[in-house]
Protein backbone atom coordinates (compact mmCIF):
# COMPACT_ATOMS: atom_id res chain seq x y z
CA MET A 1 -30.93 -3.29 18.20
CA SER A 2 -28.79 -5.86 16.67
CA SER A 3 -27.30 -8.35 18.39
CA ILE A 4 -25.49 -12.02 17.48
CA ASP A 5 -27.19 -14.89 16.21
CA GLN A 6 -24.75 -17.61 17.58
CA SER A 7 -26.53 -20.64 15.97
CA LYS A 8 -25.37 -19.77 13.04
CA GLN A 9 -22.26 -19.80 11.85
CA PHE A 10 -19.40 -17.04 10.78
CA ILE A 11 -18.34 -16.75 6.90
CA PRO A 12 -15.50 -15.11 6.57
CA LEU A 13 -14.91 -12.28 4.07
CA ASP A 14 -12.61 -11.27 1.98
CA ILE A 15 -11.49 -7.76 2.39
CA ALA A 16 -8.78 -5.43 0.67
CA VAL A 17 -7.80 -2.07 1.93
CA LEU A 18 -6.51 0.84 0.34
CA THR A 19 -4.56 4.10 2.30
CA VAL A 20 -4.95 7.63 0.29
CA SER A 21 -2.49 9.32 1.44
CA ASP A 22 0.57 11.34 -0.04
CA THR A 23 2.43 11.02 3.80
CA ARG A 24 2.14 7.61 4.24
CA SER A 25 4.14 4.80 4.45
CA PRO A 26 3.44 1.14 5.28
CA ALA A 27 5.99 1.59 8.32
CA ASP A 28 4.02 4.88 9.69
CA ASP A 29 0.40 3.36 7.96
CA LYS A 30 -1.68 3.93 11.22
CA SER A 31 -5.56 3.59 9.60
CA GLY A 32 -4.93 0.86 7.19
CA THR A 33 -3.14 -1.41 10.41
CA THR A 34 -5.77 -0.09 12.27
CA LEU A 35 -8.61 -2.35 9.91
CA ALA A 36 -6.36 -4.79 9.15
CA ASP A 37 -5.85 -5.78 12.86
CA ARG A 38 -9.63 -5.41 12.64
CA ILE A 39 -10.59 -8.03 10.08
CA GLY A 40 -8.61 -10.14 11.04
CA THR A 41 -9.65 -10.27 14.40
CA ALA A 42 -13.36 -10.95 13.83
CA GLY A 43 -12.13 -13.36 11.26
CA HIS A 44 -12.29 -12.02 8.29
CA LYS A 45 -9.16 -12.09 5.45
CA LEU A 46 -6.76 -9.15 4.27
CA ALA A 47 -7.60 -9.81 0.88
CA ALA A 48 -5.24 -7.02 -0.55
CA ARG A 49 -3.56 -4.37 1.13
CA ASP A 50 -2.55 -0.95 -0.68
CA ILE A 51 -1.58 2.75 -0.74
CA VAL A 52 -2.10 4.70 -2.83
CA THR A 53 -1.41 8.80 -3.46
CA ASP A 54 -4.46 11.14 -3.79
CA ASP A 55 -5.08 10.74 -7.06
CA VAL A 56 -8.05 10.94 -8.36
CA ASP A 57 -6.87 7.99 -11.56
CA ALA A 58 -4.45 6.77 -9.01
CA ILE A 59 -7.47 5.90 -6.10
CA ARG A 60 -9.82 4.99 -9.62
CA ALA A 61 -7.65 2.18 -11.27
CA VAL A 62 -6.25 0.52 -8.03
CA VAL A 63 -10.96 0.38 -6.42
CA GLN A 64 -11.43 -0.80 -10.36
CA ARG A 65 -9.12 -3.55 -10.16
CA TRP A 66 -10.27 -4.76 -7.19
CA ILE A 67 -13.99 -4.87 -8.04
CA ALA A 68 -12.91 -6.95 -10.82
CA ASP A 69 -11.38 -9.59 -8.19
CA LYS A 70 -14.28 -12.35 -7.50
CA GLY A 71 -11.25 -12.76 -4.88
CA VAL A 72 -12.52 -9.52 -3.04
CA ASP A 73 -16.18 -8.81 -1.05
CA VAL A 74 -15.03 -5.71 0.76
CA ILE A 75 -13.19 -2.74 -0.17
CA ILE A 76 -12.22 0.21 2.46
CA THR A 77 -10.52 2.84 1.93
CA THR A 78 -9.40 5.79 4.51
CA GLY A 79 -8.12 9.16 3.42
CA GLY A 80 -9.22 11.83 1.47
CA THR A 81 -12.32 12.25 2.97
CA GLY A 82 -11.95 16.00 3.43
CA PHE A 83 -12.42 19.14 2.23
CA THR A 84 -9.01 19.75 1.02
CA GLY A 85 -7.55 20.65 -2.94
CA ARG A 86 -5.73 16.62 -2.67
CA ASP A 87 -9.06 15.20 -1.01
CA VAL A 88 -10.41 13.49 -3.47
CA THR A 89 -12.00 10.06 -2.44
CA PRO A 90 -15.26 9.84 -3.23
CA GLU A 91 -14.52 11.50 -6.59
CA ALA A 92 -12.57 9.07 -7.55
CA ILE A 93 -14.92 6.48 -6.24
CA GLU A 94 -18.81 7.34 -6.42
CA PRO A 95 -18.31 7.15 -10.41
CA LEU A 96 -17.93 4.07 -10.11
CA PHE A 97 -21.33 2.76 -7.51
CA GLU A 98 -23.99 1.54 -8.67
CA LYS A 99 -26.31 1.54 -5.70
CA ARG A 100 -25.23 4.54 -3.06
CA MET A 101 -24.95 3.19 0.32
CA ASP A 102 -26.34 7.05 2.06
CA GLY A 103 -27.50 5.34 5.44
CA PHE A 104 -23.93 4.48 5.75
CA SER A 105 -22.84 8.20 5.99
CA ILE A 106 -25.06 9.08 7.88
CA ALA A 107 -24.78 6.43 10.84
CA PHE A 108 -20.81 7.13 10.34
CA HIS A 109 -21.83 10.89 10.88
CA MET A 110 -23.35 9.88 14.40
CA LEU A 111 -21.24 8.20 15.48
CA SER A 112 -18.23 10.63 15.09
CA HIS A 113 -20.43 13.16 16.38
CA ALA A 114 -20.26 11.62 19.40
CA LYS A 115 -16.69 11.43 19.53
CA ILE A 116 -16.31 14.96 17.93
CA GLY A 117 -18.73 16.67 17.91
CA THR A 118 -19.34 19.41 14.88
CA SER A 119 -15.79 18.58 13.33
CA THR A 120 -17.84 15.67 11.74
CA VAL A 121 -18.83 17.76 9.11
CA GLN A 122 -15.31 17.66 7.66
CA SER A 123 -15.98 14.15 6.56
CA ARG A 124 -16.94 13.03 3.28
CA ALA A 125 -16.98 10.05 4.60
CA THR A 126 -19.07 7.50 1.24
CA ALA A 127 -20.06 4.10 0.50
CA GLY A 128 -21.49 2.20 -2.42
CA VAL A 129 -22.11 -1.39 -4.15
CA ALA A 130 -19.97 -1.22 -7.48
CA ASN A 131 -19.89 -5.37 -9.09
CA SER A 132 -21.30 -7.12 -6.03
CA THR A 133 -19.01 -5.22 -3.96
CA PHE A 134 -19.04 -3.45 -1.04
CA ILE A 135 -16.51 -0.03 -1.19
CA PHE A 136 -16.43 1.77 2.44
CA CYS A 137 -14.74 4.95 2.07
CA LEU A 138 -13.23 6.37 5.35
CA PRO A 139 -11.58 9.25 6.88
CA GLY A 140 -7.34 9.19 7.41
CA SER A 141 -7.87 8.90 10.80
CA PRO A 142 -6.86 5.69 12.67
CA GLY A 143 -9.98 7.10 15.08
CA ALA A 144 -12.18 7.43 12.38
CA CYS A 145 -11.51 3.87 11.07
CA ARG A 146 -11.63 2.44 14.32
CA ASP A 147 -15.06 4.64 14.62
CA ALA A 148 -16.33 2.70 10.97
CA TRP A 149 -15.15 -0.46 12.21
CA ASP A 150 -16.45 -1.02 15.85
CA GLY A 151 -19.93 1.05 15.21
CA ILE A 152 -20.76 -0.11 11.87
CA LEU A 153 -18.83 -2.64 9.62
CA ALA A 154 -17.65 -5.90 12.51
CA ALA A 155 -22.31 -5.82 12.85
CA GLN A 156 -22.95 -5.44 9.42
CA LEU A 157 -20.00 -7.71 7.69
CA ASP A 158 -20.92 -10.47 9.86
CA TYR A 159 -24.14 -12.92 8.72
CA ARG A 160 -24.57 -13.49 12.73
CA THR A 161 -25.70 -9.91 13.04
CA ARG A 162 -29.66 -9.56 13.51
CA PRO A 163 -31.73 -8.94 12.25
CA CYS A 164 -30.25 -7.48 9.22
CA ASN A 165 -25.99 -8.11 7.90
CA PHE A 166 -24.83 -7.66 4.59
CA VAL A 167 -23.70 -10.61 3.85
CA GLU A 168 -26.91 -12.14 4.30
CA ILE A 169 -27.65 -10.06 0.71
CA MET A 170 -24.55 -10.71 -0.78
CA PRO A 171 -25.51 -13.16 -3.43
CA ARG A 172 -28.20 -11.69 -4.72
CA LEU A 173 -26.06 -8.03 -5.84
CA ASP A 174 -25.84 -9.14 -8.78
CA GLU A 175 -29.92 -10.51 -8.70
CA HIS A 176 -29.91 -7.83 -12.12
CA LEU A 177 -27.54 -8.66 -14.34
CA ARG A 178 -28.49 -12.81 -14.18
CA ARG A 179 -31.72 -12.76 -14.25
CA PRO A 180 -33.34 -12.65 -18.28
CA LYS A 181 -35.93 -10.07 -19.15
CA ALA A 182 -39.01 -11.77 -19.28
CA GLN A 183 -40.22 -12.76 -22.63
CA GLY A 184 -42.12 -9.44 -24.15
CA ALA A 185 -40.69 -6.96 -20.89
CA SER A 186 -40.55 -3.55 -23.44
CA ALA A 187 -37.83 -2.03 -20.72
C-alpha cells in the first residue's frame, strides 16, 4: 500500500482539464468542476480548462496544443469514453500517445467495479504519455472523476507518495530525445 513521505516537499503540477461533451456548458460542467476543485485542493495549479464537442478533430486540437505547452504537465479529459456513436475521446487521443499506460485502465476499472459493478465495462478509460505530458481520459460522470482522482491520480501526482509516483519520473520522460545516439550504433 502506498503512503505519503512527509519528509519530502510537495511539488505542484500544472494540470489542464478538458470536458468532452455535446451538451455541457461551463455553467453545468459538473465533471470538469469536480476535477478542477480536486486539483486546487490538492495544491496543484489548474493550467487550463476547456469544453469541446464529441469530435475527433476538436478534441485532438486542444490536446495537441496542451501537449506542446511546456506550462502543462498533465492533461485530464472527462467524457466521450463510452460506446455510443458520439463517444470518440480514445480515438482522438490514443494515436497521440508515445507510450500507453495500460495499468491506469486496469486500476480505474478495479475501483469502478467496486462501486458500480459490471457496468464499469461500459467505459474505455485510457491513459498514456505524449511529449513528456501525462494524459488521462476519464468517463464523463462526476462519480467517475471523483473515483479516478481520489483513488489513483491524487497519489500518483503527489511527489511524496511511496513507493513510487509519476512526479519523480517526469524529468526522465524525454530522456530518449535528449540522449545522443552512441557512436557506432546501428539503430
